[in-house]
Amino acid sequence: MTFHTNIPFQTIDWSAVPKTEHPGEIGMAWWQTLQFPGLRLRVVEYSPGYVADHWCRKGHIVQVLAGEFVSELETGEIFHLTEGMTYVVSDELSSHRSVTEKGVKLLIVDGDFLKQNP
């Protein structure tokens, strides 16, 4: 499976990208989202005490910009990520959710390139 997207050179001033609110099971998430063909870029902030309201099966590349959080897998595995760390997973390869005690700011990249190959 091959995906081709032509995105011309551009800079992103994240301070100009509107924030949308997404309540968690506990706490709030604020997303700043840019959508391109087959690619989504987001800066996401989770409030202190945030717990995601669902198990996600979507693939992501997640970079911790500030703070720290835990990525819990439905299998019970727990991964603690701090500023400067990244995780990567393809679509449908795990059920995961985010939890943060003190709050965190993330850059999240997802899109067609993370779909499983047949």
Protein backbone atom coordinates (compact mmCIF):
# COMPACT_ATOMS: atom_id res chain seq x y z
CA MET A 1 0.00 0.00 0.00
CA THR A 2 1.55 3.31 -1.05
CA PHE A 3 0.29 6.76 -0.17
CA HIS A 4 1.39 9.94 -1.89
CA THR A 5 0.58 13.37 -0.58
CA ASN A 6 2.07 16.53 -1.96
CA ILE A 7 2.26 19.16 0.75
CA PRO A 8 4.06 22.33 -0.31
CA PHE A 9 6.61 23.90 2.03
CA GLN A 10 4.93 25.91 4.74
CA THR A 11 5.47 27.05 8.28
CA ILE A 12 2.96 26.63 11.06
CA ASP A 13 2.34 29.27 13.69
CA TRP A 14 0.58 27.10 16.27
CA SER A 15 -0.47 30.19 18.23
CA ALA A 16 -2.77 31.05 15.28
CA VAL A 17 -4.41 27.60 15.14
CA PRO A 18 -7.70 27.54 17.11
CA LYS A 19 -8.07 25.17 20.06
CA THR A 20 -11.00 22.77 20.39
CA GLU A 21 -12.01 21.17 23.68
CA HIS A 22 -12.35 17.42 24.09
CA PRO A 23 -13.43 16.18 27.53
CA GLY A 24 -11.77 13.07 28.90
CA GLU A 25 -13.15 10.59 31.38
CA ILE A 26 -11.45 12.97 33.80
CA GLY A 27 -10.06 16.37 32.78
CA MET A 28 -9.88 18.13 29.44
CA ALA A 29 -7.88 17.94 26.22
CA TRP A 30 -7.30 20.90 23.93
CA TRP A 31 -6.46 20.15 20.29
CA GLN A 32 -4.98 22.42 17.66
CA THR A 33 -5.44 20.51 14.42
CA LEU A 34 -4.20 20.84 10.86
CA GLN A 35 -5.64 18.39 8.32
CA PHE A 36 -3.91 17.60 5.04
CA PRO A 37 -4.84 14.87 2.54
CA GLY A 38 -4.06 11.62 4.40
CA LEU A 39 -2.22 13.42 7.22
CA ARG A 40 -3.29 15.06 10.47
CA LEU A 41 -1.01 17.17 12.68
CA ARG A 42 -2.07 18.16 16.19
CA VAL A 43 -0.67 19.92 19.19
CA VAL A 44 -2.61 18.44 22.09
CA GLU A 45 -2.58 19.56 25.71
CA TYR A 46 -4.03 17.45 28.52
CA SER A 47 -5.04 19.07 31.81
CA PRO A 48 -3.59 17.84 35.09
CA GLY A 49 -5.40 14.66 36.14
CA TYR A 50 -6.49 13.87 32.56
CA VAL A 51 -7.66 10.34 31.75
CA ALA A 52 -8.77 9.57 28.17
CA ASP A 53 -12.41 8.57 27.78
CA HIS A 54 -11.73 5.70 25.34
CA TRP A 55 -9.23 3.07 24.22
CA CYS A 56 -7.75 4.23 20.93
CA ARG A 57 -6.77 1.79 18.15
CA LYS A 58 -5.53 4.46 15.74
CA GLY A 59 -1.85 4.72 14.88
CA HIS A 60 0.14 7.75 15.95
CA ILE A 61 3.54 9.27 16.24
CA VAL A 62 3.49 11.10 19.58
CA GLN A 63 6.24 13.49 20.68
CA VAL A 64 6.21 14.91 24.21
CA LEU A 65 6.84 18.65 23.94
CA ALA A 66 6.44 19.47 27.66
CA GLY A 67 5.42 17.57 30.77
CA GLU A 68 4.90 13.85 31.05
CA PHE A 69 2.20 11.25 30.65
CA VAL A 70 1.51 7.54 30.72
CA SER A 71 0.35 5.59 27.71
CA GLU A 72 -1.64 2.63 29.02
CA LEU A 73 -2.27 -0.36 26.81
CA GLU A 74 -5.48 -2.34 27.25
CA THR A 75 -3.24 -5.37 27.91
CA GLY A 76 -2.10 -3.70 31.15
CA GLU A 77 1.30 -2.52 29.93
CA ILE A 78 2.24 1.01 31.00
CA PHE A 79 4.73 3.31 29.29
CA HIS A 80 5.88 6.50 31.03
CA LEU A 81 6.94 9.21 28.56
CA THR A 82 8.67 12.45 29.48
CA GLU A 83 9.68 15.58 27.57
CA GLY A 84 11.71 14.69 24.47
CA MET A 85 10.38 11.10 24.22
CA THR A 86 8.33 9.67 21.35
CA TYR A 87 6.16 6.65 20.74
CA VAL A 88 5.07 5.19 17.40
CA VAL A 89 2.34 2.63 16.64
CA SER A 90 0.43 1.63 13.50
CA ASP A 91 -3.37 1.47 13.24
CA GLU A 92 -5.04 -1.50 14.93
CA LEU A 93 -1.84 -2.76 16.65
CA SER A 94 -2.77 -1.72 20.19
CA SER A 95 -5.57 -0.31 22.26
CA HIS A 96 -4.05 2.57 24.20
CA ARG A 97 -5.11 5.59 26.20
CA SER A 98 -3.37 8.60 27.72
CA VAL A 99 -3.25 9.53 31.39
CA THR A 100 -1.37 12.44 32.97
CA GLU A 101 -1.03 13.48 36.57
CA LYS A 102 0.48 16.94 36.04
CA GLY A 103 -0.54 17.76 32.45
CA VAL A 104 1.33 17.40 29.16
CA LYS A 105 1.73 19.01 25.75
CA LEU A 106 2.15 16.69 22.76
CA LEU A 107 2.74 16.84 19.02
CA ILE A 108 0.69 14.04 17.45
CA VAL A 109 1.05 12.96 13.82
CA ASP A 110 -1.27 10.40 12.26
CA GLY A 111 -2.52 9.50 8.84
CA ASP A 112 -2.79 6.98 6.06
CA PHE A 113 0.90 6.04 6.28
CA LEU A 114 0.18 4.30 9.60
CA LYS A 115 -2.41 1.92 8.16
CA GLN A 116 -1.43 -1.74 8.35
CA ASN A 117 -0.14 -3.34 5.19
CA PRO A 118 -2.36 -6.19 3.95
